[in-house]
Amino acid sequence: MPRRFLSVLLLLLSLSGCAFVTPRFEQNVQTEFAREDMRKLSTRTMELYYPARLRPSALRIAARVEDCVERLRLLPRNPKGRERVLVYLTGEDFNNAYVVPDYSSLPQQMVLPSHMSLELFNLLGFGPAELGAVGCHEAVHYVQLQQTDGLWGVLNTFTGGLFQSNSLTESWFLEGLATFYEGRLGTEQGRPHSPVWRGFFEAASQRLGGDFHPGYLNPGHRRMDPFGGNYLMGSHFVAWLAQKYGEEKLWQLVGDQGDSLLPPVGVTLRFRAVYNRTIGTLFDEFSAELARTLQPRARPATQRVLAAQVGYFARLAASPADGATATVDVGRDEVPRLTVRERDGSTRFSRSLTQFLPGRRWLSTHPINMSGLSFTGDGQFLYLVAADVDALGGYLSRVWRVDARTGEVVKTWDGIQGMGGGVSPDGRAYVFVHVSEDTANLVRLDLLTGERTPLTRFEGQVSLGPPAVAADGRIVFSRMTERGWNLALRETDGTVRALTEDGRFNYAPRWLDAGRLVFVREHEGRWQAHVLDLVAGGAPECITDAPHLVMDVAPHGDSEVVFLNREGFDFSLDTAPLESRPSPAAPVAVRASSFPGPVEATPASAPYLGHALDILSDEPYSTLERFFLPELRAPYIYALPDVADPERSIIHGGLALAGQDRLGMHQYSLLVEADTALRDPSVSFTYGTALAAPWTVQLSGARLREVGRRDLQVSLTVSRAFWTTPVSARLLALRRDWFTTSSRPGVRTSLLGPEASVSFTSGESTSYGGTQRGLGLTLSAGVYPLAFDNARPFAEVRGELTAVVPGLPGVKRDNLTLSLVGHALPHAPEGLFQVGGVPLGAFTYQRRQGPEASRSIPLGLQPGVSFVEPLRGYEDFALEARNVLIASARYRYRVIFDYGWTSFFWLGPSFFISQLELEAFGGWARTNLRDNHRAAGGALFLRTNFGQAVSVSLFYQYARRFDDGLGHLHLVGIAL
């Protein structure tokens, strides 16, 4: 066989043996599918599974997504017939949408919610009900991934699907392509048409003078928070490629990647074959054009800075009573905080919002999850809506009442389905955006009684933005129209009328007084503050000339407004005069990102005029649909040299099968393996069910044959998560038979018993500093009434308590971790429990002092599971014990690099260096309540990333041991 096929064969063999059972959907989505009346809708290009109650939404979303799929399928270089798009629609609130590539035991699928509840999606050019547009982004992924041809296309057809070549194109191209097209598939929606998206990029470009390095394409580059470099930089880079070289080359590259034998290798050379340039050269050209076309903009003289730095993302409100401002913000060196400033910008208080102990009132505190910040008329209380995690792992929202003097959250209202709005000036009611299916409406929450009253009764696909309430009860809000975001007014009699109709992204209105509004609106391509006079009428008047972006504008007394101003990679808190727009500090610049503008029209860019679904069937879901048709059906055979006799080859063969019904309620995997040396097959089978969702139940059994032994293994596992706390229980049964040899008799060993575990964590972290404060508690236990045949029953109990606190005063990129571990095996046989002796990395070189570890476990104590507790500093030496108590401390400081290259030595995928971590550690272990084992030392970890997907750490560790006759230990290695 030609050598060039060897690596292909090895990859194929690894995948063909990868038959597995794993939850197909998130816990809350799977639970909905288990409890709801599910249906299947089939069209000429799509299979859509959805809860019956969502049928109207499902039809609207399906029509839009199918239209996008059909447009996209015209773009590849050689359009071919492809399988129908497999889509799942959920009514669960999980604020995400994604495509899973075809990989071994899992089919390619798209998962869409019926709505979004985070205001973030409004800022990005979507809306809570614009799931058809979101689905178009996912459709790009789906169609791109389907372009798998050549050898891998044949193998996928034969085996049911191993993997898709385009899934190994790097994330910046996958997400950049999808983001580019989400604004070009018939409607002007999504990030390419969002002034927030453009403002973030333009501000970053000006800060660097357009001189980006390829590391900015990596999702791990923290200057690109909160959107990620793969999205923000990737979309602008792809748009530049489309404008400069044409869209057809994008799809030519997709085709070449789909035909490749080794998809993760040589991606940059495939770019060279298409563009006559490598990725690195193309990116250098992109950066050079950014620098050449950049026309710097500065604040006008009348724009005043109140606070120079309020994080990389923030939300803002201002008090009408005293001019105080409130921000919920987060920085790369700062945890999420609520800060209230006086009118002059001085800090009234700044406090973390994180709660740590079990039973905490909320989990999430990131400002991305906050909306609807507003003060009562007297300035005593601040109200907002915070999106949080519910018991199933989905989103729920609650209204907070915050004391504006202290920052204490004095009361919350749960069960809010939607996003924030505004409190009435008298503090008696809060009006929020209620989202159900794909329809948004305004709802009034009575803050005294908790009663909720609908204020609008829109039907169908309707997206709204947070409202503002006037003293007389009128409510102004943003509404998505055919022309984009526009303002609307609900009068006191309930009638609604439009205030703007131009679609210039009119958003986030606030009342200046009874007759005037201030809001953000596009002006010369950027979001600027505008004033609209409801009495005098006329066009909105622009009152700011911020360099890149204005967000969350609010009245700041009678003569000025306050707002978030984007500068570089962060926001500042600025004010500007209310009455007149200042003269520009420089000529109006073509924005730095303007060159990825409209490219030559293609069929995919034709206006969306509606789409008629050709429904082939719409029927109740059939239980066990496709269950008996394996998703993976992969036979394999190969030969390897015999270790005992290199002149002799051993032939290995097997069959991997895996299948499931379309809703993932029933899953199974079967793996049969045999070889010519043993002539005795190994068989493993696993069945999993989600019928009891949110609980997942999995039953596994195996008969494994290896040289010198045979294993029988059975386990029954149930698991779920409560909020973010995983809980699991398992019944384990093991039997191992060691065959008789010339030097020893046969040995049989068994183990049977139940096990359970629970793990609680809480904390707050920063992008650069990692966890700054945190608490962790892990408990696990097992009881084994049948153990090792001739031994008495024993138990295992383990507990771990971890606390993380900030490091040195004034140093923000460090932390101190303290942990206490107790691990005991009451009545366990001698020699079963091991402390230490666990390698630090996957590949390690060591240099040590002291005696060699002489511990060996009797065959009768090796049933197929081990009882081990790692001990830092003792990676090379294993101790025997019945119990151990370990106290340890670790100080870590991070040196941030965030630098990357487009390829690793020309042929490899991209390479990114994230950070260097310097550690100092110390530990004390006491075994059997009498013996001490102490160690201290330091370590260096260089954190890197290959292909924007695989994390690799290079490390050096030194440890000095003070007991057991051990001395110095040097470790150098790689950790994955």
Foldseek 3Di string as FASTA:
>chain_A
DDPVCPVLQVLQVVLQQPFDADFPDAQVQLVCVLPAQWWWFDFPAAIEIEGPVLVQLVVQLVQLLVLLLVLLLVQAPDRDDFHHAYEYEAQFAFQDKAWDWFARQDHTHIYFYLFYFFCVQLLFFAFGRRRSLVSSLRSLLVSLQRLADAPQVVVCVVFLGHGGLVVLFFLLQSQLVSQLCSCQQFANGGNVNHLVLLLLVLQQCLVVLLDDFVLLCFQLQVLPPPPGSSNSVSNLLVLLCCFPPNPSLSSVLSNVSSNDSDSQWQSQVSVCVSVVGGPRVSVRVSSVLLNVQDDFFAFPPQKFFLFAFFALDKAKEAAQAFLKMWIQYFHQLGFTWIWIAGNSNHTLDIDDPADADPVDPFADRHRSQKDAWYAANNRQWIKIKGWGAAFSGHTWIKIFIAGNNPRDGPDIGTDAAHGAAYAANNRQWGWGWGDGRQDIFIWIQGPVPRDIHTLDDDDDHWGWAHWEAANVGKIKTWTQDSLGIFIWIQDPVSDIDTQDDNNQSWHDWYDLHPFKIWTWGDDLSHTFIWMAGNPVGDDTAGAGDARRYWPNWDDRYNFKIWTWGDHNSGTTIIIGTDPHHDDTPDPRGDRSSPSSDDHDDDSSNHHDPTGDTPTPDMGGDDPCAFQPPFSGWDKDKDWDADPVHRVDIKIKIKIWTKGAHPSSQKIKIWIWIDIPVPRDIKIKMKMWGCSVGVKIWMWIWIWDDDPQKIKTWIKIKIWRGGRNKIKMKMWIKIKMWGPQDPVGHIAIWIWTWMKIKIKDKGFIQRSQQGTAWMKIKIWMKIWTCGGLPPAGTKMKIKMKIKIKHHDDPPASNKIKMKMKMKIAIPRDDWQQEKEAQAAPADDKDKDWDFDAAPRDHDPSNPRPDGHYHHDPPRNRYIDTARMKMKIKMKMKGKDADSHWHQADPSTRGIKTWGIKIKMWMWMWMDGPNHDIKIKIWIKIWTWMDGSSPDIKIWMWIWMAIDDPRIGIMIMTDMHD
